[in-house]
Amino acid sequence: MIAVDTNVVVRLLVADDTAQARRAHALFEHNTIWIATTVILETEWVLRGAYKFSADEIQGALNKLFGLPHVTLGDQALIVQAVAARRRPAHGEKHLLVDLDVLI
């Protein structure tokens, strides 16, 4: 099992650097990957802040990431619950960290 950091996850999701995106894709395709809860939080922060993803775009990207075969999350139940909580209509544009704080 290989642990990845935020940079690898962002490269996979955003593919803004073709060579790095290919390497990230190959890493996820050929290995069992472990992603820490802090990496998910940082990824959400980078997508929201640096790439200006909307809440729906972030949720879609994270759901795709979580659905990849061979991906294990640090605290899977908590992360999935926090991402699912973003679906509530009254949620607004809060970020994932707020949901994790509420759930912990």
Protein backbone atom coordinates (compact mmCIF):
# COMPACT_ATOMS: atom_id res chain seq x y z
CA MET A 1 0.00 0.00 0.00
CA ILE A 2 1.29 3.42 -0.96
CA ALA A 3 0.32 6.62 0.87
CA VAL A 4 -0.03 9.65 -1.38
CA ASP A 5 0.09 13.33 -0.58
CA THR A 6 -2.11 16.18 -1.69
CA ASN A 7 0.02 17.03 -4.72
CA VAL A 8 -0.47 13.58 -6.22
CA VAL A 9 -4.24 13.65 -5.62
CA VAL A 10 -4.59 17.14 -7.11
CA ARG A 11 -2.53 16.16 -10.18
CA LEU A 12 -4.83 13.17 -10.68
CA LEU A 13 -8.02 15.22 -10.33
CA VAL A 14 -7.01 18.40 -12.16
CA ALA A 15 -4.51 17.08 -14.74
CA ASP A 16 -3.01 20.54 -15.15
CA ASP A 17 0.44 19.06 -15.80
CA THR A 18 0.18 16.28 -18.37
CA ALA A 19 3.33 14.40 -17.36
CA GLN A 20 2.54 14.51 -13.64
CA ALA A 21 -1.09 13.57 -14.27
CA ARG A 22 0.03 10.50 -16.25
CA ARG A 23 2.34 9.45 -13.41
CA ALA A 24 -0.42 9.96 -10.83
CA HIS A 25 -2.85 7.97 -12.95
CA ALA A 26 -0.36 5.11 -13.34
CA LEU A 27 0.30 5.11 -9.60
CA PHE A 28 -3.41 4.80 -8.81
CA GLU A 29 -3.94 2.23 -11.55
CA HIS A 30 -1.19 -0.17 -10.50
CA ASN A 31 -1.09 0.14 -6.70
CA THR A 32 -3.23 0.04 -3.62
CA ILE A 33 -3.42 3.66 -2.45
CA TRP A 34 -4.00 4.99 1.06
CA ILE A 35 -5.17 8.60 1.43
CA ALA A 36 -5.05 10.25 4.86
CA THR A 37 -7.96 12.37 6.06
CA THR A 38 -5.68 15.42 6.12
CA VAL A 39 -4.87 14.87 2.43
CA ILE A 40 -8.59 14.91 1.61
CA LEU A 41 -9.01 18.16 3.57
CA GLU A 42 -6.02 19.75 1.84
CA THR A 43 -7.25 18.56 -1.56
CA GLU A 44 -10.64 20.18 -0.95
CA TRP A 45 -8.91 23.39 0.13
CA VAL A 46 -6.66 23.46 -2.97
CA LEU A 47 -9.54 22.71 -5.36
CA ARG A 48 -11.68 25.41 -3.76
CA GLY A 49 -8.99 28.06 -3.31
CA ALA A 50 -6.43 27.64 -6.07
CA TYR A 51 -8.60 26.08 -8.79
CA LYS A 52 -11.88 27.84 -7.91
CA PHE A 53 -13.91 24.62 -8.03
CA SER A 54 -17.52 25.01 -6.91
CA ALA A 55 -18.87 22.86 -4.07
CA ASP A 56 -20.55 20.58 -6.64
CA GLU A 57 -17.33 20.22 -8.64
CA ILE A 58 -15.38 19.37 -5.49
CA GLN A 59 -17.97 16.81 -4.44
CA GLY A 60 -17.92 15.23 -7.90
CA ALA A 61 -14.12 15.07 -7.98
CA LEU A 62 -13.91 13.55 -4.49
CA ASN A 63 -16.65 11.02 -5.26
CA LYS A 64 -14.73 9.91 -8.37
CA LEU A 65 -11.57 9.62 -6.29
CA PHE A 66 -13.33 7.58 -3.60
CA GLY A 67 -14.83 5.31 -6.25
CA LEU A 68 -11.49 4.30 -7.73
CA PRO A 69 -10.53 0.68 -7.17
CA HIS A 70 -7.69 0.09 -4.72
CA VAL A 71 -8.22 3.39 -2.85
CA THR A 72 -8.43 3.30 0.94
CA LEU A 73 -9.26 6.41 2.97
CA GLY A 74 -7.84 7.21 6.40
CA ASP A 75 -11.21 7.52 8.11
CA GLN A 76 -13.47 6.38 5.32
CA ALA A 77 -16.77 6.50 7.19
CA LEU A 78 -16.17 10.03 8.45
CA ILE A 79 -14.99 11.36 5.08
CA VAL A 80 -17.84 9.78 3.12
CA GLN A 81 -20.34 11.12 5.67
CA ALA A 82 -18.89 14.64 5.43
CA VAL A 83 -18.94 14.63 1.62
CA ALA A 84 -22.51 13.29 1.63
CA ALA A 85 -23.53 16.05 4.06
CA ARG A 86 -22.58 18.60 1.40
CA ARG A 87 -25.60 17.44 -0.63
CA ARG A 88 -28.00 19.13 1.76
CA PRO A 89 -29.68 22.08 -0.02
CA ALA A 90 -29.09 24.49 2.87
CA HIS A 91 -25.41 23.64 3.01
CA GLY A 92 -24.24 26.63 0.95
CA GLU A 93 -20.57 26.99 0.08
CA LYS A 94 -19.08 25.77 3.37
CA HIS A 95 -15.98 23.71 2.96
CA LEU A 96 -15.40 20.11 3.93
CA LEU A 97 -13.45 21.01 7.08
CA VAL A 98 -16.62 22.52 8.58
CA ASP A 99 -18.47 19.23 8.02
CA LEU A 100 -15.66 17.17 9.52
CA ASP A 101 -15.57 19.45 12.58
CA VAL A 102 -19.30 18.92 13.08
CA LEU A 103 -19.03 15.14 12.67
CA ILE A 104 -16.02 14.59 14.95
